[in-house]
Amino acid sequence: MSSSSSSSSVAAQIAYTDFEKVDIRVGTIVKAEPFPQARKPALKLSIDFGEPIGVKKSSAQITINHRLEELVGRQVLAVVNFPPRQIGPFMSEVLTLGLPDANGEVMLIGPERKVPDGGRMF
């Protein structure tokens, strides 16, 4: 997840069937750790998506707006059907989603109230 992906231009239109291919699920962060080996400041997250997905790992560049000790128990949205991506010594299995704040730094997105883990965004 990179703050450089924010853009003021609107993306090209896609068909609804294209959107359906992206599997965005809600999960609860069960573990958050520093990731000092990352090139850009990041944290390592373990996110529980419930059954049948289970716990998946993610590297997230969220160190500006999110404190490590406040992340466990928070629900977030993530893309769960991208291929895993090697980030230094860490294999990131899901793409945790966020939005840029006024300075372009990542703010995690998730439901405003607790929902069952594994629920698919529609």
C-alpha atoms as a PDB file:
ATOM      1  CA  MET A   1       0.000   0.000   0.000  1.00  0.00           C
ATOM      2  CA  SER A   2       1.590   3.228  -1.064  1.00  0.00           C
ATOM      3  CA  SER A   3       0.582   6.833  -0.597  1.00  0.00           C
ATOM      4  CA  SER A   4       2.008   7.527  -4.068  1.00  0.00           C
ATOM      5  CA  SER A   5      -0.952   5.660  -5.555  1.00  0.00           C
ATOM      6  CA  SER A   6      -3.298   8.522  -4.664  1.00  0.00           C
ATOM      7  CA  SER A   7      -4.361  10.464  -7.709  1.00  0.00           C
ATOM      8  CA  SER A   8      -6.607  13.395  -8.498  1.00  0.00           C
ATOM      9  CA  SER A   9      -7.613  11.962 -11.881  1.00  0.00           C
ATOM     10  CA  VAL A  10     -10.516   9.580 -12.289  1.00  0.00           C
ATOM     11  CA  ALA A  11      -9.655   6.076 -13.466  1.00  0.00           C
ATOM     12  CA  ALA A  12     -11.053   4.688 -16.696  1.00  0.00           C
ATOM     13  CA  GLN A  13     -14.494   3.111 -16.476  1.00  0.00           C
ATOM     14  CA  ILE A  14     -14.667  -0.633 -15.937  1.00  0.00           C
ATOM     15  CA  ALA A  15     -17.474  -3.132 -16.147  1.00  0.00           C
ATOM     16  CA  TYR A  16     -19.157  -4.294 -12.932  1.00  0.00           C
ATOM     17  CA  THR A  17     -17.858  -7.788 -13.673  1.00  0.00           C
ATOM     18  CA  ASP A  18     -14.308  -6.365 -13.382  1.00  0.00           C
ATOM     19  CA  PHE A  19     -15.119  -4.996  -9.911  1.00  0.00           C
ATOM     20  CA  GLU A  20     -16.507  -8.397  -8.883  1.00  0.00           C
ATOM     21  CA  LYS A  21     -13.091  -9.963  -9.570  1.00  0.00           C
ATOM     22  CA  VAL A  22     -11.518  -7.947  -6.733  1.00  0.00           C
ATOM     23  CA  ASP A  23     -12.227  -9.777  -3.462  1.00  0.00           C
ATOM     24  CA  ILE A  24     -12.251  -7.145  -0.695  1.00  0.00           C
ATOM     25  CA  ARG A  25     -12.914  -8.574   2.785  1.00  0.00           C
ATOM     26  CA  VAL A  26     -13.042  -7.293   6.333  1.00  0.00           C
ATOM     27  CA  GLY A  27     -10.689  -8.709   8.920  1.00  0.00           C
ATOM     28  CA  THR A  28      -9.492  -7.997  12.448  1.00  0.00           C
ATOM     29  CA  ILE A  29      -5.846  -7.174  13.111  1.00  0.00           C
ATOM     30  CA  VAL A  30      -4.619  -9.798  15.590  1.00  0.00           C
ATOM     31  CA  LYS A  31      -0.912  -8.875  15.563  1.00  0.00           C
ATOM     32  CA  ALA A  32       1.073  -5.765  14.597  1.00  0.00           C
ATOM     33  CA  GLU A  33       4.868  -5.559  14.580  1.00  0.00           C
ATOM     34  CA  PRO A  34       7.578  -3.168  13.435  1.00  0.00           C
ATOM     35  CA  PHE A  35       9.098  -3.891  10.019  1.00  0.00           C
ATOM     36  CA  PRO A  36      12.562  -2.286  10.181  1.00  0.00           C
ATOM     37  CA  GLN A  37      13.783  -4.118   7.044  1.00  0.00           C
ATOM     38  CA  ALA A  38      11.228  -2.345   4.799  1.00  0.00           C
ATOM     39  CA  ARG A  39      12.621   0.325   2.450  1.00  0.00           C
ATOM     40  CA  LYS A  40       9.805   2.727   3.425  1.00  0.00           C
ATOM     41  CA  PRO A  41       8.521   2.854   7.019  1.00  0.00           C
ATOM     42  CA  ALA A  42       5.978   0.049   7.406  1.00  0.00           C
ATOM     43  CA  LEU A  43       4.410  -2.359   9.856  1.00  0.00           C
ATOM     44  CA  LYS A  44       3.787  -6.094   9.597  1.00  0.00           C
ATOM     45  CA  LEU A  45       0.145  -6.980  10.245  1.00  0.00           C
ATOM     46  CA  SER A  46      -1.547 -10.335  10.833  1.00  0.00           C
ATOM     47  CA  ILE A  47      -5.235 -10.046   9.960  1.00  0.00           C
ATOM     48  CA  ASP A  48      -7.914 -12.624  10.788  1.00  0.00           C
ATOM     49  CA  PHE A  49     -10.507 -12.939   8.016  1.00  0.00           C
ATOM     50  CA  GLY A  50     -12.377 -15.839   9.661  1.00  0.00           C
ATOM     51  CA  GLU A  51     -13.108 -19.108   7.884  1.00  0.00           C
ATOM     52  CA  PRO A  52     -12.281 -20.190   5.251  1.00  0.00           C
ATOM     53  CA  ILE A  53      -9.596 -17.517   4.642  1.00  0.00           C
ATOM     54  CA  GLY A  54      -7.978 -17.506   8.097  1.00  0.00           C
ATOM     55  CA  VAL A  55      -5.126 -15.253   9.218  1.00  0.00           C
ATOM     56  CA  LYS A  56      -3.136 -13.506   6.488  1.00  0.00           C
ATOM     57  CA  LYS A  57      -0.066 -11.251   6.640  1.00  0.00           C
ATOM     58  CA  SER A  58       0.284  -7.769   5.203  1.00  0.00           C
ATOM     59  CA  SER A  59       2.971  -5.097   5.044  1.00  0.00           C
ATOM     60  CA  ALA A  60       1.387  -1.671   5.421  1.00  0.00           C
ATOM     61  CA  GLN A  61       2.940   1.799   5.159  1.00  0.00           C
ATOM     62  CA  ILE A  62       0.797   3.222   7.956  1.00  0.00           C
ATOM     63  CA  THR A  63       3.396   4.429  10.468  1.00  0.00           C
ATOM     64  CA  ILE A  64       2.462   8.129  10.294  1.00  0.00           C
ATOM     65  CA  ASN A  65      -1.234   7.914  11.217  1.00  0.00           C
ATOM     66  CA  HIS A  66      -1.411   4.646  13.150  1.00  0.00           C
ATOM     67  CA  ARG A  67       0.338   3.680  16.381  1.00  0.00           C
ATOM     68  CA  LEU A  68       1.415   0.076  16.721  1.00  0.00           C
ATOM     69  CA  GLU A  69      -0.254  -0.415  20.100  1.00  0.00           C
ATOM     70  CA  GLU A  70      -3.662   0.764  18.816  1.00  0.00           C
ATOM     71  CA  LEU A  71      -3.937  -1.610  15.846  1.00  0.00           C
ATOM     72  CA  VAL A  72      -4.735  -4.979  17.447  1.00  0.00           C
ATOM     73  CA  GLY A  73      -8.501  -5.464  17.476  1.00  0.00           C
ATOM     74  CA  ARG A  74      -9.156  -2.946  14.712  1.00  0.00           C
ATOM     75  CA  GLN A  75     -11.119  -4.102  11.668  1.00  0.00           C
ATOM     76  CA  VAL A  76      -9.731  -3.216   8.240  1.00  0.00           C
ATOM     77  CA  LEU A  77     -10.514  -3.881   4.595  1.00  0.00           C
ATOM     78  CA  ALA A  78      -8.070  -5.779   2.395  1.00  0.00           C
ATOM     79  CA  VAL A  79      -7.869  -7.324  -1.063  1.00  0.00           C
ATOM     80  CA  VAL A  80      -7.476 -11.045  -0.400  1.00  0.00           C
ATOM     81  CA  ASN A  81      -7.145 -12.413  -3.937  1.00  0.00           C
ATOM     82  CA  PHE A  82      -3.981 -10.729  -5.209  1.00  0.00           C
ATOM     83  CA  PRO A  83      -0.936 -13.018  -5.452  1.00  0.00           C
ATOM     84  CA  PRO A  84       1.441 -12.814  -2.450  1.00  0.00           C
ATOM     85  CA  ARG A  85       4.183 -10.199  -2.794  1.00  0.00           C
ATOM     86  CA  GLN A  86       7.697 -10.473  -1.401  1.00  0.00           C
ATOM     87  CA  ILE A  87       8.672  -7.304   0.482  1.00  0.00           C
ATOM     88  CA  GLY A  88      12.241  -7.705   1.670  1.00  0.00           C
ATOM     89  CA  PRO A  89      12.297 -10.757   3.963  1.00  0.00           C
ATOM     90  CA  PHE A  90       8.496 -10.688   4.413  1.00  0.00           C
ATOM     91  CA  MET A  91       5.761 -12.262   2.267  1.00  0.00           C
ATOM     92  CA  SER A  92       2.715  -9.970   2.139  1.00  0.00           C
ATOM     93  CA  GLU A  93      -0.385 -12.059   1.415  1.00  0.00           C
ATOM     94  CA  VAL A  94      -3.108  -9.375   1.263  1.00  0.00           C
ATOM     95  CA  LEU A  95      -3.294  -5.688   0.324  1.00  0.00           C
ATOM     96  CA  THR A  96      -4.567  -3.704   3.303  1.00  0.00           C
ATOM     97  CA  LEU A  97      -6.586  -0.748   2.035  1.00  0.00           C
ATOM     98  CA  GLY A  98      -6.356   2.896   3.023  1.00  0.00           C
ATOM     99  CA  LEU A  99      -7.005   6.423   1.879  1.00  0.00           C
ATOM    100  CA  PRO A 100      -4.651   9.423   1.798  1.00  0.00           C
ATOM    101  CA  ASP A 101      -5.013  12.073   4.487  1.00  0.00           C
ATOM    102  CA  ALA A 102      -4.505  15.782   3.671  1.00  0.00           C
ATOM    103  CA  ASN A 103      -0.725  15.157   3.534  1.00  0.00           C
ATOM    104  CA  GLY A 104      -0.957  12.027   1.379  1.00  0.00           C
ATOM    105  CA  GLU A 105      -0.240   9.668   4.306  1.00  0.00           C
ATOM    106  CA  VAL A 106      -2.212   6.430   4.592  1.00  0.00           C
ATOM    107  CA  MET A 107      -5.280   6.167   6.822  1.00  0.00           C
ATOM    108  CA  LEU A 108      -6.660   2.635   7.179  1.00  0.00           C
ATOM    109  CA  ILE A 109     -10.263   2.048   6.150  1.00  0.00           C
ATOM    110  CA  GLY A 110     -12.712  -0.288   7.817  1.00  0.00           C
ATOM    111  CA  PRO A 111     -16.305  -0.493   9.006  1.00  0.00           C
ATOM    112  CA  GLU A 112     -17.574   2.099  11.484  1.00  0.00           C
ATOM    113  CA  ARG A 113     -19.052  -0.689  13.657  1.00  0.00           C
ATOM    114  CA  LYS A 114     -17.940  -4.282  14.257  1.00  0.00           C
ATOM    115  CA  VAL A 115     -19.029  -6.735  11.561  1.00  0.00           C
ATOM    116  CA  PRO A 116     -18.307 -10.463  11.129  1.00  0.00           C
ATOM    117  CA  ASP A 117     -14.756 -11.125   9.900  1.00  0.00           C
ATOM    118  CA  GLY A 118     -14.585 -12.349   6.317  1.00  0.00           C
ATOM    119  CA  GLY A 119     -17.518 -10.293   5.060  1.00  0.00           C
ATOM    120  CA  ARG A 120     -17.083  -9.333   1.421  1.00  0.00           C
ATOM    121  CA  MET A 121     -17.402  -5.712   0.355  1.00  0.00           C
ATOM    122  CA  PHE A 122     -20.105  -5.021  -2.206  1.00  0.00           C
END
